[in-house]
């Protein structure tokens, strides 16, 4: 799961485009702000991915329980 998060972060960083070097300290500040925003977005995406993975796991469990209940009901009908 951690590998997937790292892969997602790498892909998103690669797709976000390069940050070109600046000539002045104001340019450096701007680059830092851009990087901070990108990290914030990536952090949010990782949190959202975690939540979605937990939800999928929960739904799979519910589907399995309902499948077992259906099997038991079919046995009772016979």
PDB file of N, CA and C in Angstrom:
ATOM      1  N   UNK A   1       0.830  -1.183   0.000  1.00  0.00           N
ATOM      2  CA  UNK A   1       0.000   0.000   0.000  1.00  0.00           C
ATOM      3  C   UNK A   1       0.875   1.248   0.000  1.00  0.00           C
ATOM      4  N   UNK A   2       1.980   1.209   0.762  1.00  0.00           N
ATOM      5  CA  UNK A   2       2.889   2.353   0.788  1.00  0.00           C
ATOM      6  C   UNK A   2       3.538   2.540  -0.569  1.00  0.00           C
ATOM      7  N   UNK A   3       3.842   1.429  -1.247  1.00  0.00           N
ATOM      8  CA  UNK A   3       4.437   1.512  -2.574  1.00  0.00           C
ATOM      9  C   UNK A   3       3.488   2.215  -3.536  1.00  0.00           C
ATOM     10  N   UNK A   4       2.213   1.923  -3.422  1.00  0.00           N
ATOM     11  CA  UNK A   4       1.220   2.556  -4.294  1.00  0.00           C
ATOM     12  C   UNK A   4       1.171   4.062  -4.039  1.00  0.00           C
ATOM     13  N   UNK A   5       1.245   4.452  -2.766  1.00  0.00           N
ATOM     14  CA  UNK A   5       1.221   5.880  -2.431  1.00  0.00           C
ATOM     15  C   UNK A   5       2.439   6.585  -3.013  1.00  0.00           C
ATOM     16  N   UNK A   6       3.585   5.943  -2.890  1.00  0.00           N
ATOM     17  CA  UNK A   6       4.808   6.534  -3.429  1.00  0.00           C
ATOM     18  C   UNK A   6       4.712   6.651  -4.941  1.00  0.00           C
ATOM     19  N   UNK A   7       4.183   5.614  -5.581  1.00  0.00           N
ATOM     20  CA  UNK A   7       4.035   5.640  -7.035  1.00  0.00           C
ATOM     21  C   UNK A   7       3.084   6.756  -7.461  1.00  0.00           C
ATOM     22  N   UNK A   8       1.984   6.911  -6.737  1.00  0.00           N
ATOM     23  CA  UNK A   8       1.022   7.971  -7.062  1.00  0.00           C
ATOM     24  C   UNK A   8       1.679   9.333  -6.913  1.00  0.00           C
ATOM     25  N   UNK A   9       2.419   9.520  -5.834  1.00  0.00           N
ATOM     26  CA  UNK A   9       3.103  10.801  -5.617  1.00  0.00           C
ATOM     27  C   UNK A   9       4.104  11.082  -6.732  1.00  0.00           C
ATOM     28  N   UNK A  10       4.864  10.074  -7.124  1.00  0.00           N
ATOM     29  CA  UNK A  10       5.855  10.259  -8.192  1.00  0.00           C
ATOM     30  C   UNK A  10       5.185  10.611  -9.516  1.00  0.00           C
ATOM     31  N   UNK A  11       4.106   9.922  -9.823  1.00  0.00           N
ATOM     32  CA  UNK A  11       3.393  10.200 -11.072  1.00  0.00           C
ATOM     33  C   UNK A  11       2.844  11.619 -11.070  1.00  0.00           C
ATOM     34  N   UNK A  12       2.241  12.008  -9.958  1.00  0.00           N
ATOM     35  CA  UNK A  12       1.671  13.356  -9.887  1.00  0.00           C
ATOM     36  C   UNK A  12       2.751  14.425  -9.957  1.00  0.00           C
ATOM     37  N   UNK A  13       3.882  14.174  -9.334  1.00  0.00           N
ATOM     38  CA  UNK A  13       4.978  15.135  -9.430  1.00  0.00           C
ATOM     39  C   UNK A  13       5.500  15.224 -10.859  1.00  0.00           C
ATOM     40  N   UNK A  14       5.579  14.083 -11.532  1.00  0.00           N
ATOM     41  CA  UNK A  14       6.066  14.080 -12.907  1.00  0.00           C
ATOM     42  C   UNK A  14       5.099  14.825 -13.829  1.00  0.00           C
ATOM     43  N   UNK A  15       3.810  14.664 -13.570  1.00  0.00           N
ATOM     44  CA  UNK A  15       2.807  15.314 -14.407  1.00  0.00           C
ATOM     45  C   UNK A  15       2.645  16.798 -14.100  1.00  0.00           C
ATOM     46  N   UNK A  16       3.096  17.207 -12.935  1.00  0.00           N
ATOM     47  CA  UNK A  16       2.906  18.607 -12.552  1.00  0.00           C
ATOM     48  C   UNK A  16       3.826  19.547 -13.310  1.00  0.00           C
ATOM     49  N   UNK A  17       4.823  19.022 -13.963  1.00  0.00           N
ATOM     50  CA  UNK A  17       5.717  19.855 -14.770  1.00  0.00           C
ATOM     51  C   UNK A  17       6.915  20.335 -13.980  1.00  0.00           C
ATOM     52  N   UNK A  18       7.936  20.703 -14.689  1.00  0.00           N
ATOM     53  CA  UNK A  18       9.162  21.131 -14.015  1.00  0.00           C
ATOM     54  C   UNK A  18       9.030  22.530 -13.431  1.00  0.00           C
ATOM     55  N   UNK A  19       9.795  22.761 -12.396  1.00  0.00           N
ATOM     56  CA  UNK A  19       9.894  24.097 -11.822  1.00  0.00           C
ATOM     57  C   UNK A  19      11.236  24.639 -12.275  1.00  0.00           C
ATOM     58  N   UNK A  20      11.209  25.674 -13.123  1.00  0.00           N
ATOM     59  CA  UNK A  20      12.433  26.194 -13.717  1.00  0.00           C
ATOM     60  C   UNK A  20      13.191  27.052 -12.719  1.00  0.00           C
ATOM     61  N   UNK A  21      14.510  27.010 -12.793  1.00  0.00           N
ATOM     62  CA  UNK A  21      15.303  27.820 -11.871  1.00  0.00           C
ATOM     63  C   UNK A  21      15.072  29.308 -12.114  1.00  0.00           C
ATOM     64  N   UNK A  22      15.109  30.065 -11.039  1.00  0.00           N
ATOM     65  CA  UNK A  22      14.900  31.508 -11.142  1.00  0.00           C
ATOM     66  C   UNK A  22      16.222  32.224 -10.895  1.00  0.00           C
ATOM     67  N   UNK A  23      16.284  33.462 -11.338  1.00  0.00           N
ATOM     68  CA  UNK A  23      17.508  34.234 -11.206  1.00  0.00           C
ATOM     69  C   UNK A  23      17.591  34.971  -9.876  1.00  0.00           C
ATOM     70  N   UNK A  24      16.471  35.226  -9.239  1.00  0.00           N
ATOM     71  CA  UNK A  24      16.494  36.031  -8.024  1.00  0.00           C
ATOM     72  C   UNK A  24      15.903  35.263  -6.855  1.00  0.00           C
ATOM     73  N   UNK A  25      16.069  35.819  -5.668  1.00  0.00           N
ATOM     74  CA  UNK A  25      15.512  35.179  -4.478  1.00  0.00           C
ATOM     75  C   UNK A  25      13.988  35.197  -4.508  1.00  0.00           C
ATOM     76  N   UNK A  26      13.402  36.191  -5.179  1.00  0.00           N
ATOM     77  CA  UNK A  26      11.944  36.221  -5.332  1.00  0.00           C
ATOM     78  C   UNK A  26      11.491  35.014  -6.145  1.00  0.00           C
ATOM     79  N   UNK A  27      12.281  34.646  -7.150  1.00  0.00           N
ATOM     80  CA  UNK A  27      11.966  33.463  -7.948  1.00  0.00           C
ATOM     81  C   UNK A  27      12.052  32.200  -7.113  1.00  0.00           C
ATOM     82  N   UNK A  28      13.037  32.160  -6.219  1.00  0.00           N
ATOM     83  CA  UNK A  28      13.193  31.004  -5.336  1.00  0.00           C
ATOM     84  C   UNK A  28      11.981  30.904  -4.415  1.00  0.00           C
ATOM     85  N   UNK A  29      11.556  32.026  -3.878  1.00  0.00           N
ATOM     86  CA  UNK A  29      10.369  32.042  -3.013  1.00  0.00           C
ATOM     87  C   UNK A  29       9.145  31.530  -3.766  1.00  0.00           C
ATOM     88  N   UNK A  30       9.017  31.976  -4.999  1.00  0.00           N
ATOM     89  CA  UNK A  30       7.878  31.551  -5.814  1.00  0.00           C
ATOM     90  C   UNK A  30       7.938  30.047  -6.070  1.00  0.00           C
ATOM     91  N   UNK A  31       9.126  29.537  -6.358  1.00  0.00           N
ATOM     92  CA  UNK A  31       9.284  28.096  -6.590  1.00  0.00           C
ATOM     93  C   UNK A  31       8.930  27.314  -5.337  1.00  0.00           C
ATOM     94  N   UNK A  32       9.343  27.826  -4.181  1.00  0.00           N
ATOM     95  CA  UNK A  32       9.034  27.149  -2.921  1.00  0.00           C
ATOM     96  C   UNK A  32       7.526  27.126  -2.693  1.00  0.00           C
ATOM     97  N   UNK A  33       6.862  28.230  -2.974  1.00  0.00           N
ATOM     98  CA  UNK A  33       5.406  28.286  -2.819  1.00  0.00           C
ATOM     99  C   UNK A  33       4.716  27.281  -3.734  1.00  0.00           C
ATOM    100  N   UNK A  34       5.199  27.175  -4.959  1.00  0.00           N
ATOM    101  CA  UNK A  34       4.626  26.207  -5.905  1.00  0.00           C
ATOM    102  C   UNK A  34       4.813  24.791  -5.370  1.00  0.00           C
ATOM    103  N   UNK A  35       6.008  24.490  -4.894  1.00  0.00           N
ATOM    104  CA  UNK A  35       6.278  23.157  -4.352  1.00  0.00           C
ATOM    105  C   UNK A  35       5.420  22.872  -3.124  1.00  0.00           C
ATOM    106  N   UNK A  36       5.251  23.866  -2.269  1.00  0.00           N
ATOM    107  CA  UNK A  36       4.416  23.676  -1.082  1.00  0.00           C
ATOM    108  C   UNK A  36       2.972  23.388  -1.469  1.00  0.00           C
ATOM    109  N   UNK A  37       2.466  24.092  -2.469  1.00  0.00           N
ATOM    110  CA  UNK A  37       1.100  23.830  -2.936  1.00  0.00           C
ATOM    111  C   UNK A  37       0.996  22.418  -3.510  1.00  0.00           C
ATOM    112  N   UNK A  38       2.002  22.007  -4.268  1.00  0.00           N
ATOM    113  CA  UNK A  38       1.974  20.668  -4.858  1.00  0.00           C
ATOM    114  C   UNK A  38       2.007  19.596  -3.776  1.00  0.00           C
ATOM    115  N   UNK A  39       2.815  19.801  -2.756  1.00  0.00           N
ATOM    116  CA  UNK A  39       2.888  18.838  -1.655  1.00  0.00           C
ATOM    117  C   UNK A  39       1.554  18.778  -0.922  1.00  0.00           C
ATOM    118  N   UNK A  40       0.922  19.931  -0.727  1.00  0.00           N
ATOM    119  CA  UNK A  40      -0.377  19.965  -0.054  1.00  0.00           C
ATOM    120  C   UNK A  40      -1.412  19.189  -0.869  1.00  0.00           C
ATOM    121  N   UNK A  41      -1.409  19.388  -2.182  1.00  0.00           N
ATOM    122  CA  UNK A  41      -2.346  18.672  -3.054  1.00  0.00           C
ATOM    123  C   UNK A  41      -2.072  17.172  -3.001  1.00  0.00           C
ATOM    124  N   UNK A  42      -0.800  16.797  -3.068  1.00  0.00           N
ATOM    125  CA  UNK A  42      -0.446  15.380  -3.015  1.00  0.00           C
ATOM    126  C   UNK A  42      -0.851  14.758  -1.687  1.00  0.00           C
ATOM    127  N   UNK A  43      -0.649  15.480  -0.605  1.00  0.00           N
ATOM    128  CA  UNK A  43      -1.041  14.967   0.711  1.00  0.00           C
ATOM    129  C   UNK A  43      -2.543  14.729   0.759  1.00  0.00           C
ATOM    130  N   UNK A  44      -3.296  15.673   0.226  1.00  0.00           N
ATOM    131  CA  UNK A  44      -4.744  15.502   0.180  1.00  0.00           C
ATOM    132  C   UNK A  44      -5.152  14.303  -0.652  1.00  0.00           C
ATOM    133  N   UNK A  45      -4.467  14.112  -1.771  1.00  0.00           N
ATOM    134  CA  UNK A  45      -4.785  12.965  -2.632  1.00  0.00           C
ATOM    135  C   UNK A  45      -4.452  11.644  -1.950  1.00  0.00           C
ATOM    136  N   UNK A  46      -3.342  11.611  -1.224  1.00  0.00           N
ATOM    137  CA  UNK A  46      -2.969  10.386  -0.511  1.00  0.00           C
ATOM    138  C   UNK A  46      -3.999  10.083   0.570  1.00  0.00           C
ATOM    139  N   UNK A  47      -4.444  11.102   1.299  1.00  0.00           N
ATOM    140  CA  UNK A  47      -5.475  10.893   2.322  1.00  0.00           C
ATOM    141  C   UNK A  47      -6.771  10.398   1.691  1.00  0.00           C
ATOM    142  N   UNK A  48      -7.123  10.982   0.557  1.00  0.00           N
ATOM    143  CA  UNK A  48      -8.346  10.560  -0.135  1.00  0.00           C
ATOM    144  C   UNK A  48      -8.219   9.121  -0.632  1.00  0.00           C
ATOM    145  N   UNK A  49      -7.045   8.772  -1.147  1.00  0.00           N
ATOM    146  CA  UNK A  49      -6.802   7.406  -1.603  1.00  0.00           C
ATOM    147  C   UNK A  49      -6.933   6.423  -0.448  1.00  0.00           C
ATOM    148  N   UNK A  50      -6.369   6.770   0.708  1.00  0.00           N
ATOM    149  CA  UNK A  50      -6.496   5.905   1.884  1.00  0.00           C
ATOM    150  C   UNK A  50      -7.957   5.698   2.264  1.00  0.00           C
ATOM    151  N   UNK A  51      -8.716   6.786   2.281  1.00  0.00           N
ATOM    152  CA  UNK A  51     -10.131   6.692   2.643  1.00  0.00           C
ATOM    153  C   UNK A  51     -10.888   5.816   1.650  1.00  0.00           C
ATOM    154  N   UNK A  52     -10.602   5.983   0.371  1.00  0.00           N
ATOM    155  CA  UNK A  52     -11.278   5.174  -0.651  1.00  0.00           C
ATOM    156  C   UNK A  52     -10.899   3.702  -0.533  1.00  0.00           C
ATOM    157  N   UNK A  53      -9.640   3.423  -0.213  1.00  0.00           N
ATOM    158  CA  UNK A  53      -9.223   2.031  -0.044  1.00  0.00           C
ATOM    159  C   UNK A  53      -9.927   1.393   1.154  1.00  0.00           C
ATOM    160  N   UNK A  54     -10.069   2.151   2.239  1.00  0.00           N
ATOM    161  CA  UNK A  54     -10.790   1.629   3.406  1.00  0.00           C
ATOM    162  C   UNK A  54     -12.253   1.369   3.060  1.00  0.00           C
ATOM    163  N   UNK A  55     -12.846   2.289   2.305  1.00  0.00           N
ATOM    164  CA  UNK A  55     -14.245   2.131   1.922  1.00  0.00           C
ATOM    165  C   UNK A  55     -14.434   0.913   1.024  1.00  0.00           C
ATOM    166  N   UNK A  56     -13.540   0.715   0.080  1.00  0.00           N
ATOM    167  CA  UNK A  56     -13.625  -0.454  -0.804  1.00  0.00           C
ATOM    168  C   UNK A  56     -13.493  -1.736   0.013  1.00  0.00           C
ATOM    169  N   UNK A  57     -12.572  -1.753   0.968  1.00  0.00           N
ATOM    170  CA  UNK A  57     -12.389  -2.935   1.811  1.00  0.00           C
ATOM    171  C   UNK A  57     -13.665  -3.216   2.610  1.00  0.00           C
ATOM    172  N   UNK A  58     -14.276  -2.173   3.151  1.00  0.00           N
ATOM    173  CA  UNK A  58     -15.513  -2.332   3.907  1.00  0.00           C
ATOM    174  C   UNK A  58     -16.628  -2.858   3.006  1.00  0.00           C
ATOM    175  N   UNK A  59     -16.739  -2.305   1.812  1.00  0.00           N
ATOM    176  CA  UNK A  59     -17.784  -2.750   0.886  1.00  0.00           C
ATOM    177  C   UNK A  59     -17.572  -4.195   0.455  1.00  0.00           C
ATOM    178  N   UNK A  60     -16.326  -4.584   0.267  1.00  0.00           N
ATOM    179  CA  UNK A  60     -16.049  -5.984  -0.077  1.00  0.00           C
ATOM    180  C   UNK A  60     -16.504  -6.911   1.041  1.00  0.00           C
ATOM    181  N   UNK A  61     -16.252  -6.491   2.276  1.00  0.00           N
ATOM    182  CA  UNK A  61     -16.702  -7.289   3.418  1.00  0.00           C
ATOM    183  C   UNK A  61     -18.212  -7.416   3.449  1.00  0.00           C
ATOM    184  N   UNK A  62     -18.902  -6.311   3.188  1.00  0.00           N
ATOM    185  CA  UNK A  62     -20.364  -6.343   3.172  1.00  0.00           C
ATOM    186  C   UNK A  62     -20.885  -7.241   2.054  1.00  0.00           C
ATOM    187  N   UNK A  63     -20.266  -7.171   0.891  1.00  0.00           N
ATOM    188  CA  UNK A  63     -20.682  -8.020  -0.233  1.00  0.00           C
ATOM    189  C   UNK A  63     -20.493  -9.490   0.130  1.00  0.00           C
ATOM    190  N   UNK A  64     -19.378  -9.792   0.779  1.00  0.00           N
ATOM    191  CA  UNK A  64     -19.125 -11.180   1.170  1.00  0.00           C
ATOM    192  C   UNK A  64     -20.178 -11.657   2.170  1.00  0.00           C
ATOM    193  N   UNK A  65     -20.504 -10.818   3.150  1.00  0.00           N
ATOM    194  CA  UNK A  65     -21.532 -11.187   4.131  1.00  0.00           C
ATOM    195  C   UNK A  65     -22.881 -11.405   3.456  1.00  0.00           C
ATOM    196  N   UNK A  66     -23.249 -10.524   2.552  1.00  0.00           N
ATOM    197  CA  UNK A  66     -24.532 -10.664   1.863  1.00  0.00           C
ATOM    198  C   UNK A  66     -24.551 -11.912   0.980  1.00  0.00           C
ATOM    199  N   UNK A  67     -23.415 -12.224   0.376  1.00  0.00           N
ATOM    200  CA  UNK A  67     -23.334 -13.448  -0.420  1.00  0.00           C
ATOM    201  C   UNK A  67     -23.525 -14.681   0.441  1.00  0.00           C
ATOM    202  N   UNK A  68     -22.924 -14.660   1.627  1.00  0.00           N
ATOM    203  CA  UNK A  68     -23.095 -15.790   2.548  1.00  0.00           C
ATOM    204  C   UNK A  68     -24.546 -15.909   3.008  1.00  0.00           C
ATOM    205  N   UNK A  69     -25.175 -14.773   3.294  1.00  0.00           N
ATOM    206  CA  UNK A  69     -26.580 -14.788   3.701  1.00  0.00           C
ATOM    207  C   UNK A  69     -27.465 -15.318   2.580  1.00  0.00           C
ATOM    208  N   UNK A  70     -27.189 -14.919   1.347  1.00  0.00           N
ATOM    209  CA  UNK A  70     -27.970 -15.420   0.209  1.00  0.00           C
ATOM    210  C   UNK A  70     -27.806 -16.923   0.063  1.00  0.00           C
ATOM    211  N   UNK A  71     -26.587 -17.393   0.232  1.00  0.00           N
ATOM    212  CA  UNK A  71     -26.355 -18.832   0.146  1.00  0.00           C
ATOM    213  C   UNK A  71     -27.129 -19.586   1.212  1.00  0.00           C
ATOM    214  N   UNK A  72     -27.157 -19.040   2.427  1.00  0.00           N
ATOM    215  CA  UNK A  72     -27.898 -19.687   3.512  1.00  0.00           C
ATOM    216  C   UNK A  72     -29.395 -19.679   3.225  1.00  0.00           C
ATOM    217  N   UNK A  73     -29.908 -18.576   2.694  1.00  0.00           N
ATOM    218  CA  UNK A  73     -31.336 -18.503   2.368  1.00  0.00           C
ATOM    219  C   UNK A  73     -31.699 -19.480   1.256  1.00  0.00           C
ATOM    220  N   UNK A  74     -30.840 -19.626   0.266  1.00  0.00           N
ATOM    221  CA  UNK A  74     -31.103 -20.582  -0.818  1.00  0.00           C
ATOM    222  C   UNK A  74     -31.128 -22.003  -0.279  1.00  0.00           C
ATOM    223  N   UNK A  75     -30.250 -22.294   0.683  1.00  0.00           N
ATOM    224  CA  UNK A  75     -30.243 -23.632   1.284  1.00  0.00           C
ATOM    225  C   UNK A  75     -31.544 -23.884   2.038  1.00  0.00           C
ATOM    226  N   UNK A  76     -32.041 -22.860   2.724  1.00  0.00           N
ATOM    227  CA  UNK A  76     -33.282 -23.014   3.489  1.00  0.00           C
ATOM    228  C   UNK A  76     -34.474 -23.247   2.567  1.00  0.00           C
ATOM    229  N   UNK A  77     -34.459 -22.658   1.382  1.00  0.00           N
ATOM    230  CA  UNK A  77     -35.575 -22.808   0.451  1.00  0.00           C
ATOM    231  C   UNK A  77     -35.657 -24.222  -0.106  1.00  0.00           C
ATOM    232  N   UNK A  78     -34.559 -24.902  -0.161  1.00  0.00           N
ATOM    233  CA  UNK A  78     -34.557 -26.250  -0.751  1.00  0.00           C
ATOM    234  C   UNK A  78     -35.106 -27.270   0.169  1.00  0.00           C
TER     235      UNK A  78
END
